[in-house]
PDB file of N, CA and C in Angstrom:
ATOM      1  N   MET A   1       0.759  -1.014   0.048  1.00  0.00           N
ATOM      2  CA  MET A   1      -0.034  -0.113   0.081  1.00  0.00           C
ATOM      3  C   MET A   1       0.703   1.641  -0.340  1.00  0.00           C
ATOM      4  N   SER A   2       0.408   2.405  -0.714  1.00  0.00           N
ATOM      5  CA  SER A   2       1.095   3.468  -0.723  1.00  0.00           C
ATOM      6  C   SER A   2       0.665   4.318   0.035  1.00  0.00           C
ATOM      7  N   ARG A   3       1.559   5.161   0.087  1.00  0.00           N
ATOM      8  CA  ARG A   3       1.711   6.156   1.506  1.00  0.00           C
ATOM      9  C   ARG A   3       1.423   7.493   0.237  1.00  0.00           C
ATOM     10  N   ILE A   4       0.424   8.918   1.257  1.00  0.00           N
ATOM     11  CA  ILE A   4       0.298   9.504   0.701  1.00  0.00           C
ATOM     12  C   ILE A   4       1.532  10.633   1.510  1.00  0.00           C
ATOM     13  N   LEU A   5       2.338  11.550   0.513  1.00  0.00           N
ATOM     14  CA  LEU A   5       3.151  12.162   0.653  1.00  0.00           C
ATOM     15  C   LEU A   5       2.677  13.537   0.688  1.00  0.00           C
ATOM     16  N   TYR A   6       2.022  13.422  -0.587  1.00  0.00           N
ATOM     17  CA  TYR A   6       1.604  15.356  -0.717  1.00  0.00           C
ATOM     18  C   TYR A   6      -0.053  14.931  -1.126  1.00  0.00           C
ATOM     19  N   GLN A   7      -0.559  15.976  -0.838  1.00  0.00           N
ATOM     20  CA  GLN A   7      -2.179  16.188  -2.199  1.00  0.00           C
ATOM     21  C   GLN A   7      -2.631  17.645  -1.383  1.00  0.00           C
ATOM     22  N   ASP A   8      -2.901  18.303  -2.684  1.00  0.00           N
ATOM     23  CA  ASP A   8      -3.658  19.402  -2.566  1.00  0.00           C
ATOM     24  C   ASP A   8      -4.553  19.601  -3.908  1.00  0.00           C
ATOM     25  N   ARG A   9      -5.239  20.638  -3.798  1.00  0.00           N
ATOM     26  CA  ARG A   9      -6.575  21.099  -5.090  1.00  0.00           C
ATOM     27  C   ARG A   9      -5.657  20.341  -6.383  1.00  0.00           C
ATOM     28  N   VAL A  10      -4.283  20.938  -6.909  1.00  0.00           N
ATOM     29  CA  VAL A  10      -4.212  20.732  -7.839  1.00  0.00           C
ATOM     30  C   VAL A  10      -2.848  19.202  -8.065  1.00  0.00           C
ATOM     31  N   CYS A  11      -2.442  18.771  -7.316  1.00  0.00           N
ATOM     32  CA  CYS A  11      -1.499  18.040  -7.255  1.00  0.00           C
ATOM     33  C   CYS A  11      -1.692  16.608  -6.297  1.00  0.00           C
ATOM     34  N   GLY A  12      -1.505  15.350  -5.964  1.00  0.00           N
ATOM     35  CA  GLY A  12      -1.025  14.377  -4.991  1.00  0.00           C
ATOM     36  C   GLY A  12      -0.047  13.592  -5.749  1.00  0.00           C
ATOM     37  N   LEU A  13       0.565  13.401  -4.137  1.00  0.00           N
ATOM     38  CA  LEU A  13       1.704  12.404  -4.453  1.00  0.00           C
ATOM     39  C   LEU A  13       1.953  11.383  -3.236  1.00  0.00           C
ATOM     40  N   THR A  14       2.291  10.032  -3.730  1.00  0.00           N
ATOM     41  CA  THR A  14       2.423   9.441  -3.000  1.00  0.00           C
ATOM     42  C   THR A  14       3.565   8.463  -3.359  1.00  0.00           C
ATOM     43  N   ASP A  15       4.357   7.357  -2.866  1.00  0.00           N
ATOM     44  CA  ASP A  15       5.370   7.139  -2.773  1.00  0.00           C
ATOM     45  C   ASP A  15       5.538   6.292  -4.461  1.00  0.00           C
ATOM     46  N   GLU A  16       4.349   6.052  -5.043  1.00  0.00           N
ATOM     47  CA  GLU A  16       4.084   5.379  -6.507  1.00  0.00           C
ATOM     48  C   GLU A  16       3.874   6.077  -7.255  1.00  0.00           C
ATOM     49  N   THR A  17       3.003   6.947  -7.089  1.00  0.00           N
ATOM     50  CA  THR A  17       2.158   7.626  -7.985  1.00  0.00           C
ATOM     51  C   THR A  17       2.162   9.397  -7.473  1.00  0.00           C
ATOM     52  N   LEU A  18       1.894   9.726  -8.880  1.00  0.00           N
ATOM     53  CA  LEU A  18       1.632  11.038  -8.878  1.00  0.00           C
ATOM     54  C   LEU A  18       0.389  11.645  -9.684  1.00  0.00           C
ATOM     55  N   VAL A  19      -0.992  12.411  -8.944  1.00  0.00           N
ATOM     56  CA  VAL A  19      -2.048  12.121  -9.545  1.00  0.00           C
ATOM     57  C   VAL A  19      -1.891  13.879  -9.973  1.00  0.00           C
ATOM     58  N   LEU A  20      -2.604  13.915 -11.549  1.00  0.00           N
ATOM     59  CA  LEU A  20      -2.847  15.699 -11.682  1.00  0.00           C
ATOM     60  C   LEU A  20      -3.963  15.928 -11.853  1.00  0.00           C
ATOM     61  N   HIS A  21      -4.890  17.162 -10.879  1.00  0.00           N
ATOM     62  CA  HIS A  21      -6.002  17.361 -11.148  1.00  0.00           C
ATOM     63  C   HIS A  21      -5.921  18.172 -12.706  1.00  0.00           C
ATOM     64  N   GLY A  22      -7.423  18.396 -12.841  1.00  0.00           N
ATOM     65  CA  GLY A  22      -7.598  19.342 -14.313  1.00  0.00           C
ATOM     66  C   GLY A  22      -6.204  19.187 -15.475  1.00  0.00           C
ATOM     67  N   PHE A  23      -5.997  18.094 -15.398  1.00  0.00           N
ATOM     68  CA  PHE A  23      -5.049  17.555 -16.334  1.00  0.00           C
ATOM     69  C   PHE A  23      -5.384  17.337 -17.880  1.00  0.00           C
ATOM     70  N   THR A  24      -6.771  16.865 -18.269  1.00  0.00           N
ATOM     71  CA  THR A  24      -7.188  16.714 -19.751  1.00  0.00           C
ATOM     72  C   THR A  24      -7.566  18.115 -20.440  1.00  0.00           C
ATOM     73  N   LYS A  25      -7.527  18.046 -21.660  1.00  0.00           N
ATOM     74  CA  LYS A  25      -7.648  19.159 -21.874  1.00  0.00           C
ATOM     75  C   LYS A  25      -9.261  19.584 -22.590  1.00  0.00           C
ATOM     76  N   ILE A  26     -10.402  18.483 -22.489  1.00  0.00           N
ATOM     77  CA  ILE A  26     -12.065  18.634 -22.339  1.00  0.00           C
ATOM     78  C   ILE A  26     -11.723  18.190 -20.524  1.00  0.00           C
ATOM     79  N   LEU A  27     -13.018  18.851 -20.134  1.00  0.00           N
ATOM     80  CA  LEU A  27     -13.382  19.316 -18.688  1.00  0.00           C
ATOM     81  C   LEU A  27     -12.049  18.922 -17.493  1.00  0.00           C
ATOM     82  N   GLY A  28     -11.259  19.173 -17.994  1.00  0.00           N
ATOM     83  CA  GLY A  28      -9.931  19.273 -16.889  1.00  0.00           C
ATOM     84  C   GLY A  28      -9.810  17.970 -15.835  1.00  0.00           C
ATOM     85  N   ARG A  29     -10.023  16.863 -16.343  1.00  0.00           N
ATOM     86  CA  ARG A  29     -10.225  15.492 -15.459  1.00  0.00           C
ATOM     87  C   ARG A  29      -8.665  15.306 -14.794  1.00  0.00           C
ATOM     88  N   PRO A  30      -9.008  14.439 -13.809  1.00  0.00           N
ATOM     89  CA  PRO A  30      -7.637  14.332 -13.219  1.00  0.00           C
ATOM     90  C   PRO A  30      -6.802  12.935 -13.989  1.00  0.00           C
ATOM     91  N   ARG A  31      -5.888  13.045 -13.672  1.00  0.00           N
ATOM     92  CA  ARG A  31      -4.651  11.942 -14.444  1.00  0.00           C
ATOM     93  C   ARG A  31      -4.062  10.937 -13.209  1.00  0.00           C
ATOM     94  N   ARG A  32      -3.895   9.915 -13.269  1.00  0.00           N
ATOM     95  CA  ARG A  32      -2.953   9.117 -11.786  1.00  0.00           C
ATOM     96  C   ARG A  32      -1.878   9.114 -13.109  1.00  0.00           C
ATOM     97  N   ILE A  33      -0.628   9.008 -12.782  1.00  0.00           N
ATOM     98  CA  ILE A  33       0.923   8.528 -13.674  1.00  0.00           C
ATOM     99  C   ILE A  33       1.352   8.104 -12.706  1.00  0.00           C
ATOM    100  N   GLU A  34       2.164   6.359 -12.949  1.00  0.00           N
ATOM    101  CA  GLU A  34       3.211   6.068 -12.001  1.00  0.00           C
ATOM    102  C   GLU A  34       4.512   6.671 -12.106  1.00  0.00           C
ATOM    103  N   LEU A  35       5.282   7.140 -10.970  1.00  0.00           N
ATOM    104  CA  LEU A  35       6.550   7.475 -11.104  1.00  0.00           C
ATOM    105  C   LEU A  35       7.376   6.737 -11.886  1.00  0.00           C
ATOM    106  N   SER A  36       7.230   5.432 -12.423  1.00  0.00           N
ATOM    107  CA  SER A  36       8.093   4.721 -12.672  1.00  0.00           C
ATOM    108  C   SER A  36       8.508   5.834 -14.643  1.00  0.00           C
ATOM    109  N   HIS A  37       7.051   6.416 -14.575  1.00  0.00           N
ATOM    110  CA  HIS A  37       7.018   7.253 -16.572  1.00  0.00           C
ATOM    111  C   HIS A  37       7.313   8.475 -16.235  1.00  0.00           C
ATOM    112  N   VAL A  38       7.933   8.851 -14.764  1.00  0.00           N
ATOM    113  CA  VAL A  38       8.333  10.375 -14.890  1.00  0.00           C
ATOM    114  C   VAL A  38       9.879  10.636 -14.889  1.00  0.00           C
ATOM    115  N   VAL A  39      10.641  11.148 -15.710  1.00  0.00           N
ATOM    116  CA  VAL A  39      12.211  11.263 -16.079  1.00  0.00           C
ATOM    117  C   VAL A  39      12.618  11.868 -15.308  1.00  0.00           C
ATOM    118  N   SER A  40      12.033  13.618 -15.326  1.00  0.00           N
ATOM    119  CA  SER A  40      12.228  14.507 -14.553  1.00  0.00           C
ATOM    120  C   SER A  40      11.668  15.474 -14.140  1.00  0.00           C
ATOM    121  N   PHE A  41      11.998  16.596 -13.493  1.00  0.00           N
ATOM    122  CA  PHE A  41      11.429  18.062 -13.272  1.00  0.00           C
ATOM    123  C   PHE A  41      12.042  19.145 -13.244  1.00  0.00           C
ATOM    124  N   VAL A  42      11.228  20.020 -13.217  1.00  0.00           N
ATOM    125  CA  VAL A  42      12.383  21.483 -12.702  1.00  0.00           C
ATOM    126  C   VAL A  42      10.862  22.426 -12.146  1.00  0.00           C
ATOM    127  N   MET A  43      11.324  23.218 -11.665  1.00  0.00           N
ATOM    128  CA  MET A  43      10.625  23.704 -11.040  1.00  0.00           C
ATOM    129  C   MET A  43      11.014  25.662 -11.496  1.00  0.00           C
ATOM    130  N   ARG A  44       9.922  26.041 -11.858  1.00  0.00           N
ATOM    131  CA  ARG A  44      10.038  27.566 -13.044  1.00  0.00           C
ATOM    132  C   ARG A  44       9.252  28.660 -11.436  1.00  0.00           C
ATOM    133  N   SER A  45      10.091  29.788 -12.180  1.00  0.00           N
ATOM    134  CA  SER A  45       9.328  30.941 -11.283  1.00  0.00           C
ATOM    135  C   SER A  45       8.708  32.264 -11.991  1.00  0.00           C
ATOM    136  N   ALA A  46       7.359  32.387 -11.715  1.00  0.00           N
ATOM    137  CA  ALA A  46       6.764  33.589 -12.666  1.00  0.00           C
ATOM    138  C   ALA A  46       7.746  34.048 -13.593  1.00  0.00           C
ATOM    139  N   ASP A  47       8.549  34.762 -13.340  1.00  0.00           N
ATOM    140  CA  ASP A  47       9.467  36.065 -13.452  1.00  0.00           C
ATOM    141  C   ASP A  47      10.334  35.101 -14.976  1.00  0.00           C
ATOM    142  N   GLU A  48      10.543  33.493 -14.686  1.00  0.00           N
ATOM    143  CA  GLU A  48      10.905  33.335 -16.305  1.00  0.00           C
ATOM    144  C   GLU A  48       9.914  33.117 -17.300  1.00  0.00           C
ATOM    145  N   PHE A  49       8.855  33.774 -17.036  1.00  0.00           N
ATOM    146  CA  PHE A  49       7.987  33.400 -18.401  1.00  0.00           C
ATOM    147  C   PHE A  49       7.859  34.758 -18.873  1.00  0.00           C
ATOM    148  N   PRO A  50       7.644  34.935 -20.363  1.00  0.00           N
ATOM    149  CA  PRO A  50       7.588  36.507 -21.319  1.00  0.00           C
ATOM    150  C   PRO A  50       6.638  37.277 -20.170  1.00  0.00           C
ATOM    151  N   ASN A  51       5.954  37.138 -19.997  1.00  0.00           N
ATOM    152  CA  ASN A  51       4.935  37.918 -18.961  1.00  0.00           C
ATOM    153  C   ASN A  51       4.916  38.406 -17.658  1.00  0.00           C
ATOM    154  N   GLY A  52       6.201  37.990 -17.244  1.00  0.00           N
ATOM    155  CA  GLY A  52       6.355  37.647 -15.390  1.00  0.00           C
ATOM    156  C   GLY A  52       5.155  36.934 -14.576  1.00  0.00           C
ATOM    157  N   SER A  53       4.097  36.081 -15.805  1.00  0.00           N
ATOM    158  CA  SER A  53       2.803  35.382 -14.666  1.00  0.00           C
ATOM    159  C   SER A  53       3.374  34.469 -15.051  1.00  0.00           C
ATOM    160  N   LEU A  54       2.454  33.030 -14.480  1.00  0.00           N
ATOM    161  CA  LEU A  54       2.108  31.799 -14.575  1.00  0.00           C
ATOM    162  C   LEU A  54       1.355  31.531 -15.653  1.00  0.00           C
ATOM    163  N   PRO A  55       1.809  31.035 -16.952  1.00  0.00           N
ATOM    164  CA  PRO A  55       0.706  30.700 -17.696  1.00  0.00           C
ATOM    165  C   PRO A  55      -1.005  30.015 -17.016  1.00  0.00           C
ATOM    166  N   LYS A  56      -2.128  30.859 -18.247  1.00  0.00           N
ATOM    167  CA  LYS A  56      -3.086  29.515 -17.701  1.00  0.00           C
ATOM    168  C   LYS A  56      -3.280  28.592 -18.557  1.00  0.00           C
ATOM    169  N   TRP A  57      -4.174  28.043 -18.226  1.00  0.00           N
ATOM    170  CA  TRP A  57      -4.333  26.648 -18.717  1.00  0.00           C
ATOM    171  C   TRP A  57      -4.339  26.492 -19.969  1.00  0.00           C
ATOM    172  N   GLY A  58      -3.258  25.412 -20.834  1.00  0.00           N
ATOM    173  CA  GLY A  58      -3.365  25.376 -22.160  1.00  0.00           C
ATOM    174  C   GLY A  58      -1.655  25.182 -21.764  1.00  0.00           C
ATOM    175  N   VAL A  59      -1.579  25.729 -23.179  1.00  0.00           N
ATOM    176  CA  VAL A  59       0.218  25.551 -23.918  1.00  0.00           C
ATOM    177  C   VAL A  59       0.868  26.937 -23.311  1.00  0.00           C
ATOM    178  N   ASP A  60       1.973  26.567 -23.052  1.00  0.00           N
ATOM    179  CA  ASP A  60       2.903  28.024 -22.402  1.00  0.00           C
ATOM    180  C   ASP A  60       4.156  28.141 -23.164  1.00  0.00           C
ATOM    181  N   ASP A  61       4.921  28.753 -23.482  1.00  0.00           N
ATOM    182  CA  ASP A  61       5.650  29.727 -24.631  1.00  0.00           C
ATOM    183  C   ASP A  61       6.911  28.439 -24.606  1.00  0.00           C
ATOM    184  N   ARG A  62       6.726  26.924 -24.082  1.00  0.00           N
ATOM    185  CA  ARG A  62       7.911  26.421 -24.328  1.00  0.00           C
ATOM    186  C   ARG A  62       6.986  25.145 -24.829  1.00  0.00           C
ATOM    187  N   GLY A  63       6.113  25.286 -24.969  1.00  0.00           N
ATOM    188  CA  GLY A  63       5.016  24.407 -25.332  1.00  0.00           C
ATOM    189  C   GLY A  63       4.759  23.587 -24.787  1.00  0.00           C
ATOM    190  N   VAL A  64       4.968  23.445 -23.067  1.00  0.00           N
ATOM    191  CA  VAL A  64       4.379  22.960 -22.077  1.00  0.00           C
ATOM    192  C   VAL A  64       3.167  23.149 -21.674  1.00  0.00           C
ATOM    193  N   TRP A  65       2.486  21.190 -21.721  1.00  0.00           N
ATOM    194  CA  TRP A  65       0.609  22.215 -21.431  1.00  0.00           C
ATOM    195  C   TRP A  65       0.343  22.183 -19.479  1.00  0.00           C
ATOM    196  N   TYR A  66       0.065  23.134 -19.389  1.00  0.00           N
ATOM    197  CA  TYR A  66      -0.256  23.541 -17.855  1.00  0.00           C
ATOM    198  C   TYR A  66      -1.806  23.013 -17.692  1.00  0.00           C
ATOM    199  N   THR A  67      -1.569  22.448 -16.599  1.00  0.00           N
ATOM    200  CA  THR A  67      -3.272  21.982 -16.151  1.00  0.00           C
ATOM    201  C   THR A  67      -4.006  22.868 -15.489  1.00  0.00           C
ATOM    202  N   ARG A  68      -5.065  22.735 -15.719  1.00  0.00           N
ATOM    203  CA  ARG A  68      -6.412  23.932 -14.878  1.00  0.00           C
ATOM    204  C   ARG A  68      -6.048  24.223 -13.718  1.00  0.00           C
ATOM    205  N   ASP A  69      -5.782  25.608 -13.244  1.00  0.00           N
ATOM    206  CA  ASP A  69      -5.641  25.927 -11.716  1.00  0.00           C
ATOM    207  C   ASP A  69      -6.470  27.047 -11.566  1.00  0.00           C
ATOM    208  N   PRO A  70      -7.924  26.994 -11.402  1.00  0.00           N
ATOM    209  CA  PRO A  70      -8.303  28.339 -11.086  1.00  0.00           C
ATOM    210  C   PRO A  70      -7.413  29.692 -10.176  1.00  0.00           C
ATOM    211  N   ARG A  71      -6.668  29.304  -9.175  1.00  0.00           N
ATOM    212  CA  ARG A  71      -5.688  29.954  -7.910  1.00  0.00           C
ATOM    213  C   ARG A  71      -4.164  30.197  -8.829  1.00  0.00           C
ATOM    214  N   ARG A  72      -4.265  29.779 -10.527  1.00  0.00           N
ATOM    215  CA  ARG A  72      -2.755  30.260 -10.409  1.00  0.00           C
ATOM    216  C   ARG A  72      -2.580  31.413 -10.555  1.00  0.00           C
ATOM    217  N   TRP A  73      -3.207  32.358 -10.571  1.00  0.00           N
ATOM    218  CA  TRP A  73      -2.824  33.914 -10.707  1.00  0.00           C
ATOM    219  C   TRP A  73      -2.174  34.297  -9.048  1.00  0.00           C
ATOM    220  N   ARG A  74      -2.567  33.414  -7.983  1.00  0.00           N
ATOM    221  CA  ARG A  74      -1.720  33.581  -6.402  1.00  0.00           C
ATOM    222  C   ARG A  74      -0.427  32.994  -6.686  1.00  0.00           C
ATOM    223  N   ARG A  75      -0.181  32.176  -7.426  1.00  0.00           N
ATOM    224  CA  ARG A  75       0.748  31.152  -7.102  1.00  0.00           C
ATOM    225  C   ARG A  75       2.518  31.919  -8.124  1.00  0.00           C
ATOM    226  N   GLN A  76       3.615  31.569  -7.571  1.00  0.00           N
ATOM    227  CA  GLN A  76       4.947  32.068  -7.566  1.00  0.00           C
ATOM    228  C   GLN A  76       5.485  31.326  -8.740  1.00  0.00           C
ATOM    229  N   HIS A  77       5.390  30.428  -8.606  1.00  0.00           N
ATOM    230  CA  HIS A  77       6.409  28.735  -9.263  1.00  0.00           C
ATOM    231  C   HIS A  77       5.282  27.800  -9.530  1.00  0.00           C
ATOM    232  N   SER A  78       5.782  27.274 -10.631  1.00  0.00           N
ATOM    233  CA  SER A  78       5.450  25.558 -11.023  1.00  0.00           C
ATOM    234  C   SER A  78       6.555  24.587 -11.174  1.00  0.00           C
ATOM    235  N   ILE A  79       5.843  23.824 -10.937  1.00  0.00           N
ATOM    236  CA  ILE A  79       6.296  22.478 -11.147  1.00  0.00           C
ATOM    237  C   ILE A  79       6.501  21.568 -12.852  1.00  0.00           C
ATOM    238  N   GLU A  80       7.596  21.727 -13.650  1.00  0.00           N
ATOM    239  CA  GLU A  80       7.179  21.319 -14.955  1.00  0.00           C
ATOM    240  C   GLU A  80       7.825  19.936 -15.097  1.00  0.00           C
ATOM    241  N   ILE A  81       6.839  18.559 -15.046  1.00  0.00           N
ATOM    242  CA  ILE A  81       7.714  17.282 -15.245  1.00  0.00           C
ATOM    243  C   ILE A  81       7.384  16.165 -16.397  1.00  0.00           C
ATOM    244  N   THR A  82       8.696  15.735 -16.981  1.00  0.00           N
ATOM    245  CA  THR A  82       9.182  15.633 -18.242  1.00  0.00           C
ATOM    246  C   THR A  82       8.504  13.966 -17.883  1.00  0.00           C
ATOM    247  N   PHE A  83       8.014  13.312 -18.889  1.00  0.00           N
ATOM    248  CA  PHE A  83       7.884  11.765 -18.660  1.00  0.00           C
ATOM    249  C   PHE A  83       8.733  11.046 -19.959  1.00  0.00           C
ATOM    250  N   ASP A  84       8.626   9.861 -19.600  1.00  0.00           N
ATOM    251  CA  ASP A  84       9.355   8.855 -20.538  1.00  0.00           C
ATOM    252  C   ASP A  84       9.062   8.626 -22.089  1.00  0.00           C
ATOM    253  N   ASN A  85       7.908   9.596 -22.351  1.00  0.00           N
ATOM    254  CA  ASN A  85       7.696   9.419 -23.717  1.00  0.00           C
ATOM    255  C   ASN A  85       7.659  10.790 -24.684  1.00  0.00           C
ATOM    256  N   ASN A  86       8.414  11.280 -23.318  1.00  0.00           N
ATOM    257  CA  ASN A  86       8.953  13.066 -23.579  1.00  0.00           C
ATOM    258  C   ASN A  86       7.660  13.959 -23.582  1.00  0.00           C
ATOM    259  N   GLU A  87       6.728  13.932 -23.339  1.00  0.00           N
ATOM    260  CA  GLU A  87       5.452  14.719 -22.546  1.00  0.00           C
ATOM    261  C   GLU A  87       5.769  15.483 -21.717  1.00  0.00           C
ATOM    262  N   ARG A  88       5.183  16.334 -21.440  1.00  0.00           N
ATOM    263  CA  ARG A  88       6.029  17.494 -20.552  1.00  0.00           C
ATOM    264  C   ARG A  88       4.840  17.767 -19.817  1.00  0.00           C
ATOM    265  N   VAL A  89       4.358  18.542 -18.818  1.00  0.00           N
ATOM    266  CA  VAL A  89       2.901  19.135 -18.320  1.00  0.00           C
ATOM    267  C   VAL A  89       3.510  20.058 -16.853  1.00  0.00           C
ATOM    268  N   GLY A  90       3.016  21.161 -16.755  1.00  0.00           N
ATOM    269  CA  GLY A  90       3.302  21.990 -15.926  1.00  0.00           C
ATOM    270  C   GLY A  90       1.752  22.170 -15.058  1.00  0.00           C
ATOM    271  N   PHE A  91       2.264  22.709 -13.915  1.00  0.00           N
ATOM    272  CA  PHE A  91       1.165  22.624 -12.766  1.00  0.00           C
ATOM    273  C   PHE A  91       1.487  23.512 -11.222  1.00  0.00           C
ATOM    274  N   THR A  92       0.887  23.960 -10.496  1.00  0.00           N
ATOM    275  CA  THR A  92       1.010  24.922  -9.629  1.00  0.00           C
ATOM    276  C   THR A  92       0.989  24.154  -7.829  1.00  0.00           C
ATOM    277  N   PRO A  93       1.669  23.415  -7.659  1.00  0.00           N
ATOM    278  CA  PRO A  93       1.170  22.941  -6.322  1.00  0.00           C
ATOM    279  C   PRO A  93       1.012  24.602  -5.356  1.00  0.00           C
ATOM    280  N   ALA A  94       0.162  24.326  -3.843  1.00  0.00           N
ATOM    281  CA  ALA A  94       0.297  25.155  -3.156  1.00  0.00           C
ATOM    282  C   ALA A  94       1.648  25.385  -2.446  1.00  0.00           C
ATOM    283  N   HIS A  95       2.114  24.367  -2.500  1.00  0.00           N
ATOM    284  CA  HIS A  95       3.495  24.282  -1.635  1.00  0.00           C
ATOM    285  C   HIS A  95       4.911  23.946  -2.713  1.00  0.00           C
ATOM    286  N   PRO A  96       5.363  24.615  -3.755  1.00  0.00           N
ATOM    287  CA  PRO A  96       5.838  24.394  -4.415  1.00  0.00           C
ATOM    288  C   PRO A  96       7.232  23.284  -4.122  1.00  0.00           C
ATOM    289  N   SER A  97       7.803  24.171  -2.996  1.00  0.00           N
ATOM    290  CA  SER A  97       9.303  24.222  -2.956  1.00  0.00           C
ATOM    291  C   SER A  97       9.292  22.760  -1.980  1.00  0.00           C
ATOM    292  N   ARG A  98       8.373  22.440  -1.242  1.00  0.00           N
ATOM    293  CA  ARG A  98       7.759  21.041  -0.470  1.00  0.00           C
ATOM    294  C   ARG A  98       7.471  20.036  -1.269  1.00  0.00           C
ATOM    295  N   PHE A  99       6.999  19.967  -2.670  1.00  0.00           N
ATOM    296  CA  PHE A  99       6.298  19.207  -3.046  1.00  0.00           C
ATOM    297  C   PHE A  99       7.655  19.088  -4.524  1.00  0.00           C
ATOM    298  N   ARG A 100       8.613  20.081  -4.456  1.00  0.00           N
ATOM    299  CA  ARG A 100       9.954  19.612  -5.008  1.00  0.00           C
ATOM    300  C   ARG A 100      11.278  18.638  -4.466  1.00  0.00           C
ATOM    301  N   ASP A 101      10.876  19.018  -3.020  1.00  0.00           N
ATOM    302  CA  ASP A 101      11.845  18.017  -1.545  1.00  0.00           C
ATOM    303  C   ASP A 101      11.267  16.794  -2.239  1.00  0.00           C
ATOM    304  N   LEU A 102      10.222  16.547  -2.263  1.00  0.00           N
ATOM    305  CA  LEU A 102       9.129  15.249  -2.058  1.00  0.00           C
ATOM    306  C   LEU A 102       9.594  14.407  -3.685  1.00  0.00           C
ATOM    307  N   LEU A 103       9.671  15.299  -4.486  1.00  0.00           N
ATOM    308  CA  LEU A 103      10.249  14.542  -5.616  1.00  0.00           C
ATOM    309  C   LEU A 103      11.457  13.900  -5.321  1.00  0.00           C
ATOM    310  N   LYS A 104      12.370  14.624  -5.175  1.00  0.00           N
ATOM    311  CA  LYS A 104      13.333  14.488  -4.909  1.00  0.00           C
ATOM    312  C   LYS A 104      13.578  12.798  -3.988  1.00  0.00           C
ATOM    313  N   GLN A 105      12.584  12.811  -3.193  1.00  0.00           N
ATOM    314  CA  GLN A 105      12.845  11.959  -2.056  1.00  0.00           C
ATOM    315  C   GLN A 105      11.958  10.841  -2.641  1.00  0.00           C
ATOM    316  N   VAL A 106      11.507  10.776  -3.646  1.00  0.00           N
ATOM    317  CA  VAL A 106      10.931   9.300  -4.484  1.00  0.00           C
ATOM    318  C   VAL A 106      11.691   9.227  -5.607  1.00  0.00           C
ATOM    319  N   GLY A 107      12.831   9.945  -5.597  1.00  0.00           N
ATOM    320  CA  GLY A 107      13.964   9.503  -6.784  1.00  0.00           C
ATOM    321  C   GLY A 107      13.550  10.047  -8.311  1.00  0.00           C
ATOM    322  N   VAL A 108      13.199  11.068  -7.883  1.00  0.00           N
ATOM    323  CA  VAL A 108      12.515  11.822  -9.502  1.00  0.00           C
ATOM    324  C   VAL A 108      13.504  12.682  -9.763  1.00  0.00           C
ATOM    325  N   ASN A 109      14.241  12.816 -11.063  1.00  0.00           N
ATOM    326  CA  ASN A 109      15.435  13.670 -11.305  1.00  0.00           C
ATOM    327  C   ASN A 109      15.437  14.950 -11.067  1.00  0.00           C
ATOM    328  N   GLU A 110      15.634  16.152 -10.621  1.00  0.00           N
ATOM    329  CA  GLU A 110      15.998  17.456 -11.149  1.00  0.00           C
ATOM    330  C   GLU A 110      16.621  18.046 -12.299  1.00  0.00           C
ATOM    331  N   ALA A 111      15.860  18.531 -13.440  1.00  0.00           N
ATOM    332  CA  ALA A 111      16.783  18.981 -14.434  1.00  0.00           C
ATOM    333  C   ALA A 111      17.169  20.277 -14.409  1.00  0.00           C
TER     334      ALA A 111
END
């Protein structure tokens, strides 16, 4: 049985899976991903984006799909995950530094 390491309205993390809410392009449904399919991640600051704020739901300036998050305008950091099929997705956990540390703890490499 897996342990819940982190959970908020945007994402959840156990020692085996990552759950991203608002993932799909239609209706923003959640997606459950086995950590074995996650290759790496990067944490980005809002200052790194062209307009100085995190992207809305959809594709950002580098072609990364961002999940749906109605509270994104309050956030200053995002996490971008790269999967073994080269798909990338971005999301904004409520506590990005804590989430980053937990990803490292479960063995995901920071790019």
